[in-house]
């Protein structure tokens, strides 16, 4: 009898804000929030990321203006080069947070030099920058601080001239106006990530505070031929599309990314979560699970899987 290989969540311990990209070379490139540096992991599989090849690609200058609170790094392959976007500041408050850009010209991002491309001059202080490529145009999305009317963050979009230059006005796409977006003491929409399928563009974001057990995922939906710079192009979900499971004891599910199985046949969500309500943020762990699609073409993320459950490895592993 042929046995199916399985794994259990979490796949990486003490790894918040996980970003996983499957590149054309067949490898998975993984980043998460670490203390004091940016670390890149290269892995031949999704479930083997914890044992992948690790390299510190950036250590900031001690005491510099962007040397503290290095959050939510993302690696992207754009216009034939590698770019990493991450949040940093001088150790101050929200008003000092900026989104920084690094570039690497090598085919393999674990070799060569990462060079500083600068700070993206967003209209308001922000965090959690990501890039969307749509119809051969680049768009930058980020979470900016303000009052909406409660203090917190909202998600903006900006056109880009190139991977390190913004060229247009900042358009607000979603603000935390719903009760489930205001749990934990702040009103939060953050961590935007793009998913495209079935003629739609989905903007999945994290809502409420990351330390709240109710940290969850919301979603905006747009037809792929609509103008992403028009807020009216996007339809907002009235309820979370992925949230905690008390039964399965998985809490604070959020700040996600998306990837595909090695054979390209399955879609997988990558997210962090806490093991119990009120857990220290240092216990945020990276988890993955397969998701499907509804008859209307929208994603169905299901519920977070309990740690004790054996899960079949992604197809092609």
Protein backbone atom coordinates (compact mmCIF):
# COMPACT_ATOMS: atom_id res chain seq x y z
CA UNK A 1 0.00 0.00 0.00
CA UNK A 2 1.40 3.39 -1.02
CA UNK A 3 1.66 5.74 1.94
CA UNK A 4 0.96 9.46 1.48
CA UNK A 5 3.64 11.74 2.90
CA UNK A 6 2.28 14.15 5.51
CA UNK A 7 3.36 17.09 7.65
CA UNK A 8 1.98 19.05 10.59
CA UNK A 9 1.69 22.76 11.22
CA UNK A 10 3.44 24.96 12.09
CA UNK A 11 6.18 24.53 9.49
CA UNK A 12 8.40 27.30 10.91
CA UNK A 13 8.45 28.31 14.57
CA UNK A 14 8.85 31.93 15.65
CA UNK A 15 8.30 33.28 12.15
CA UNK A 16 5.79 36.12 11.80
CA UNK A 17 4.63 37.91 8.63
CA UNK A 18 5.59 35.01 6.33
CA UNK A 19 6.23 35.63 2.64
CA UNK A 20 6.80 32.67 0.31
CA UNK A 21 7.50 32.93 -3.42
CA UNK A 22 7.88 30.00 -5.83
CA UNK A 23 10.29 31.05 -8.57
CA UNK A 24 10.74 29.65 -12.09
CA UNK A 25 13.92 27.90 -10.91
CA UNK A 26 11.68 25.55 -8.89
CA UNK A 27 12.82 26.85 -5.50
CA UNK A 28 10.75 28.52 -2.79
CA UNK A 29 12.09 31.76 -1.32
CA UNK A 30 10.88 32.53 2.19
CA UNK A 31 11.15 35.59 4.42
CA UNK A 32 9.63 36.52 7.78
CA UNK A 33 10.07 39.20 10.42
CA UNK A 34 13.32 38.61 12.33
CA UNK A 35 15.12 40.77 14.88
CA UNK A 36 17.75 43.16 13.57
CA UNK A 37 18.29 41.75 10.07
CA UNK A 38 16.67 40.41 6.92
CA UNK A 39 17.06 36.67 6.36
CA UNK A 40 16.26 34.84 3.12
CA UNK A 41 15.62 31.09 2.98
CA UNK A 42 15.90 28.99 -0.19
CA UNK A 43 14.05 25.67 -0.10
CA UNK A 44 13.25 22.90 -2.56
CA UNK A 45 9.84 22.43 -0.94
CA UNK A 46 7.11 24.25 0.96
CA UNK A 47 7.14 22.01 4.01
CA UNK A 48 10.95 21.91 4.17
CA UNK A 49 11.44 25.66 4.56
CA UNK A 50 12.61 25.36 8.18
CA UNK A 51 15.59 23.31 6.97
CA UNK A 52 16.29 25.36 3.85
CA UNK A 53 19.44 27.27 2.95
CA UNK A 54 19.45 30.48 5.01
CA UNK A 55 21.34 33.68 4.37
CA UNK A 56 21.29 37.07 6.08
CA UNK A 57 20.97 39.46 3.13
CA UNK A 58 20.77 42.76 5.01
CA UNK A 59 21.96 44.07 8.35
CA UNK A 60 21.25 47.78 8.81
CA UNK A 61 23.72 50.34 10.04
CA UNK A 62 23.60 50.48 13.82
CA UNK A 63 21.63 53.47 15.06
CA UNK A 64 20.58 54.59 11.59
CA UNK A 65 17.19 56.05 10.64
CA UNK A 66 16.01 52.68 9.26
CA UNK A 67 17.77 50.34 11.66
CA UNK A 68 14.92 49.40 13.99
CA UNK A 69 11.70 47.39 13.80
CA UNK A 70 12.46 45.60 10.55
CA UNK A 71 9.05 44.17 9.73
CA UNK A 72 7.32 42.13 7.04
CA UNK A 73 10.01 41.66 4.36
CA UNK A 74 8.82 40.50 0.95
CA UNK A 75 10.93 39.29 -1.99
CA UNK A 76 9.69 39.95 -5.54
CA UNK A 77 11.07 39.20 -9.01
CA UNK A 78 10.39 42.29 -11.13
CA UNK A 79 11.76 43.37 -14.52
CA UNK A 80 14.47 40.71 -14.40
CA UNK A 81 15.83 41.62 -10.96
CA UNK A 82 15.11 40.75 -7.35
CA UNK A 83 13.64 43.29 -4.93
CA UNK A 84 12.95 43.14 -1.21
CA UNK A 85 10.47 45.53 0.42
CA UNK A 86 10.47 45.89 4.20
CA UNK A 87 9.35 48.25 6.93
CA UNK A 88 11.84 49.98 9.25
CA UNK A 89 12.22 53.10 11.40
CA UNK A 90 14.54 54.91 13.81
CA UNK A 91 13.06 53.30 16.90
CA UNK A 92 10.28 55.89 17.24
CA UNK A 93 6.54 55.56 16.79
CA UNK A 94 4.22 54.94 13.86
CA UNK A 95 4.92 58.33 12.32
CA UNK A 96 8.55 57.29 11.69
CA UNK A 97 7.85 54.03 9.84
CA UNK A 98 8.94 53.84 6.23
CA UNK A 99 9.06 51.19 3.50
CA UNK A 100 12.54 50.45 2.20
CA UNK A 101 13.68 48.80 -1.06
CA UNK A 102 16.71 46.58 -1.81
CA UNK A 103 17.82 45.25 -5.22
CA UNK A 104 19.81 42.20 -6.35
CA UNK A 105 20.78 41.67 -10.01
CA UNK A 106 21.82 38.02 -9.71
CA UNK A 107 19.70 35.13 -11.00
CA UNK A 108 19.94 33.50 -7.57
CA UNK A 109 18.95 35.94 -4.80
CA UNK A 110 21.03 34.09 -2.22
CA UNK A 111 24.25 35.19 -3.98
CA UNK A 112 25.55 38.59 -5.02
CA UNK A 113 25.06 41.92 -3.31
CA UNK A 114 21.83 43.52 -2.17
CA UNK A 115 21.98 47.25 -2.81
CA UNK A 116 19.98 50.00 -1.14
CA UNK A 117 17.48 51.61 -3.56
CA UNK A 118 15.94 53.97 -1.03
CA UNK A 119 12.71 54.79 0.75
CA UNK A 120 9.36 54.83 -1.03
CA UNK A 121 7.90 58.32 -0.35
CA UNK A 122 4.35 57.30 0.52
CA UNK A 123 1.84 60.05 1.24
CA UNK A 124 1.51 58.93 4.87
CA UNK A 125 3.86 56.89 7.12
CA UNK A 126 3.32 53.24 6.35
CA UNK A 127 4.25 49.59 6.54
CA UNK A 128 3.70 46.26 4.79
CA UNK A 129 4.57 47.22 1.23
CA UNK A 130 3.84 44.86 -1.68
CA UNK A 131 3.83 45.09 -5.47
CA UNK A 132 1.14 44.08 -7.97
CA UNK A 133 1.83 43.55 -11.66
CA UNK A 134 -1.33 44.03 -13.73
CA UNK A 135 -1.40 44.41 -17.52
CA UNK A 136 2.36 45.04 -17.53
CA UNK A 137 2.05 47.93 -15.08
CA UNK A 138 3.46 48.07 -11.57
CA UNK A 139 1.36 49.12 -8.57
CA UNK A 140 2.50 49.55 -4.98
CA UNK A 141 0.17 48.74 -2.09
CA UNK A 142 0.82 49.50 1.56
CA UNK A 143 -0.83 50.14 4.92
CA UNK A 144 -0.76 53.82 5.93
CA UNK A 145 -1.43 55.25 9.38
CA UNK A 146 -4.24 57.70 10.15
CA UNK A 147 -7.71 58.16 11.62
CA UNK A 148 -10.54 56.42 9.73
CA UNK A 149 -12.08 57.78 12.03
CA UNK A 150 -10.49 55.52 14.68
CA UNK A 151 -6.69 55.54 14.80
CA UNK A 152 -5.00 52.74 12.92
CA UNK A 153 -4.04 51.86 9.36
CA UNK A 154 -5.74 51.64 5.97
CA UNK A 155 -4.58 50.25 2.62
CA UNK A 156 -3.49 52.53 -0.22
CA UNK A 157 -2.45 51.94 -3.83
CA UNK A 158 0.05 53.94 -5.93
CA UNK A 159 1.28 53.51 -9.51
CA UNK A 160 5.01 52.88 -9.96
CA UNK A 161 7.43 54.05 -12.65
CA UNK A 162 9.80 51.20 -11.72
CA UNK A 163 10.24 48.90 -8.70
CA UNK A 164 11.68 51.70 -6.53
CA UNK A 165 9.83 54.81 -7.75
CA UNK A 166 6.25 55.94 -7.10
CA UNK A 167 4.54 58.10 -9.75
CA UNK A 168 0.95 58.89 -8.76
CA UNK A 169 -1.43 59.91 -6.03
CA UNK A 170 -2.06 57.55 -3.12
CA UNK A 171 -5.59 56.14 -3.38
CA UNK A 172 -7.26 54.68 -0.29
CA UNK A 173 -8.84 51.28 -1.07
CA UNK A 174 -10.02 49.99 2.30
CA UNK A 175 -10.20 51.44 5.81
CA UNK A 176 -11.08 49.62 9.07
CA UNK A 177 -14.74 50.61 9.44
CA UNK A 178 -16.23 47.22 10.43
CA UNK A 179 -16.31 45.85 13.98
CA UNK A 180 -14.20 42.79 13.13
CA UNK A 181 -11.46 45.12 11.83
CA UNK A 182 -11.15 46.94 15.17
CA UNK A 183 -10.33 44.22 17.69
CA UNK A 184 -7.39 44.52 20.09
CA UNK A 185 -7.37 48.27 20.67
CA UNK A 186 -6.68 49.66 17.18
CA UNK A 187 -8.54 49.83 13.86
CA UNK A 188 -6.33 47.97 11.39
CA UNK A 189 -6.20 47.09 7.70
CA UNK A 190 -2.64 45.96 6.86
CA UNK A 191 -0.56 43.33 5.09
CA UNK A 192 -2.06 43.58 1.58
CA UNK A 193 -1.30 40.67 -0.76
CA UNK A 194 -2.55 40.01 -4.29
CA UNK A 195 -4.11 36.81 -5.64
CA UNK A 196 -5.27 36.54 -9.27
CA UNK A 197 -7.56 33.87 -10.73
CA UNK A 198 -10.74 33.31 -12.71
CA UNK A 199 -10.84 36.82 -14.19
CA UNK A 200 -10.57 38.47 -10.76
CA UNK A 201 -7.93 40.27 -8.75
CA UNK A 202 -8.23 39.59 -5.02
CA UNK A 203 -6.60 41.89 -2.48
CA UNK A 204 -6.39 39.94 0.77
CA UNK A 205 -5.49 41.95 3.86
CA UNK A 206 -5.14 41.51 7.63
CA UNK A 207 -7.58 43.19 10.00
CA UNK A 208 -7.52 44.04 13.75
CA UNK A 209 -4.32 44.01 15.79
CA UNK A 210 -1.76 41.27 15.32
CA UNK A 211 -1.77 40.63 19.09
CA UNK A 212 -5.52 40.06 19.15
CA UNK A 213 -6.89 36.54 18.86
CA UNK A 214 -9.29 38.05 16.29
CA UNK A 215 -6.56 39.06 13.83
CA UNK A 216 -8.08 37.80 10.59
CA UNK A 217 -8.15 38.15 6.82
CA UNK A 218 -10.50 40.32 4.80
CA UNK A 219 -10.70 40.63 1.02
CA UNK A 220 -11.35 43.10 -1.78
CA UNK A 221 -12.40 41.77 -5.19
CA UNK A 222 -11.96 43.46 -8.58
CA UNK A 223 -12.52 42.37 -12.16
CA UNK A 224 -9.10 42.05 -13.79
CA UNK A 225 -9.99 44.56 -16.53
CA UNK A 226 -11.11 47.26 -14.09
CA UNK A 227 -8.95 50.19 -13.01
CA UNK A 228 -7.23 49.32 -9.70
CA UNK A 229 -6.66 53.03 -9.01
CA UNK A 230 -10.42 53.56 -8.68
CA UNK A 231 -11.63 52.61 -5.20
CA UNK A 232 -15.06 51.87 -6.66
CA UNK A 233 -13.52 49.03 -8.72
CA UNK A 234 -13.05 47.00 -5.55
CA UNK A 235 -15.81 45.16 -3.66
CA UNK A 236 -15.11 44.60 0.04
CA UNK A 237 -16.08 41.45 1.95
CA UNK A 238 -18.45 42.18 4.81
CA UNK A 239 -17.00 39.38 6.95
CA UNK A 240 -13.56 37.83 7.41
CA UNK A 241 -12.58 35.30 4.75
CA UNK A 242 -10.20 33.49 7.14
CA UNK A 243 -10.15 33.70 10.93
CA UNK A 244 -9.42 31.89 14.20
CA UNK A 245 -10.73 28.44 15.05
CA UNK A 246 -11.50 27.94 18.73
CA UNK A 247 -12.19 24.24 18.09
CA UNK A 248 -8.83 23.74 16.38
CA UNK A 249 -7.02 26.07 18.81
CA UNK A 250 -5.49 28.31 16.16
CA UNK A 251 -5.75 32.05 16.82
CA UNK A 252 -4.72 35.39 15.31
CA UNK A 253 -4.60 34.06 11.76
CA UNK A 254 -3.22 36.70 9.44
CA UNK A 255 -0.44 38.44 7.53
CA UNK A 256 -0.37 35.90 4.76
CA UNK A 257 1.06 35.17 1.34
CA UNK A 258 0.14 32.68 -1.39
CA UNK A 259 2.10 30.03 -3.25
CA UNK A 260 1.55 26.93 -5.38
CA UNK A 261 2.59 23.30 -5.04
CA UNK A 262 5.77 22.13 -6.78
CA UNK A 263 3.74 20.74 -9.70
CA UNK A 264 1.64 23.91 -9.92
CA UNK A 265 -1.61 22.02 -9.40
CA UNK A 266 -2.54 23.23 -5.90
CA UNK A 267 -2.96 26.66 -4.29
CA UNK A 268 -1.61 27.14 -0.76
CA UNK A 269 -2.03 29.91 1.78
CA UNK A 270 0.92 30.79 4.03
CA UNK A 271 0.06 32.62 7.27
CA UNK A 272 1.09 33.17 10.85
CA UNK A 273 -0.97 32.37 13.92
CA UNK A 274 -0.80 32.09 17.71
CA UNK A 275 -1.42 28.89 19.71
CA UNK A 276 -3.68 30.46 22.34
CA UNK A 277 -5.40 33.80 23.09
CA UNK A 278 -3.05 36.37 24.58
CA UNK A 279 0.12 34.52 23.55
CA UNK A 280 3.32 36.54 23.25
CA UNK A 281 3.96 37.86 19.74
CA UNK A 282 7.25 35.97 19.71
CA UNK A 283 5.20 32.77 19.48
CA UNK A 284 3.75 33.63 16.09
CA UNK A 285 4.44 30.63 13.87
CA UNK A 286 4.21 30.08 10.11
CA UNK A 287 1.59 27.66 8.86
CA UNK A 288 0.45 26.50 5.43
CA UNK A 289 -2.62 24.79 4.07
CA UNK A 290 -4.22 24.07 0.72
CA UNK A 291 -7.26 26.09 -0.34
CA UNK A 292 -9.88 25.78 -3.05
CA UNK A 293 -12.26 27.85 -5.15
CA UNK A 294 -15.98 28.53 -4.98
CA UNK A 295 -18.31 28.16 -7.97
CA UNK A 296 -18.39 31.98 -8.30
CA UNK A 297 -14.61 32.03 -8.88
CA UNK A 298 -13.67 33.34 -5.45
CA UNK A 299 -11.22 31.60 -3.08
CA UNK A 300 -12.38 29.39 -0.22
CA UNK A 301 -9.69 29.39 2.49
CA UNK A 302 -11.61 27.13 4.87
CA UNK A 303 -10.64 27.13 8.54
CA UNK A 304 -7.15 26.90 10.09
CA UNK A 305 -6.06 23.31 10.61
CA UNK A 306 -5.24 22.07 14.12
CA UNK A 307 -1.62 21.34 14.99
CA UNK A 308 -2.29 17.65 15.74
CA UNK A 309 -3.64 16.91 12.25
CA UNK A 310 -1.54 15.16 9.60
CA UNK A 311 -1.79 17.05 6.31
CA UNK A 312 -0.86 15.61 2.91
CA UNK A 313 2.22 17.36 1.54
CA UNK A 314 1.73 19.63 -1.48
CA UNK A 315 1.40 17.71 -4.75
CA UNK A 316 4.76 17.18 -6.38
CA UNK A 317 6.77 17.24 -3.14
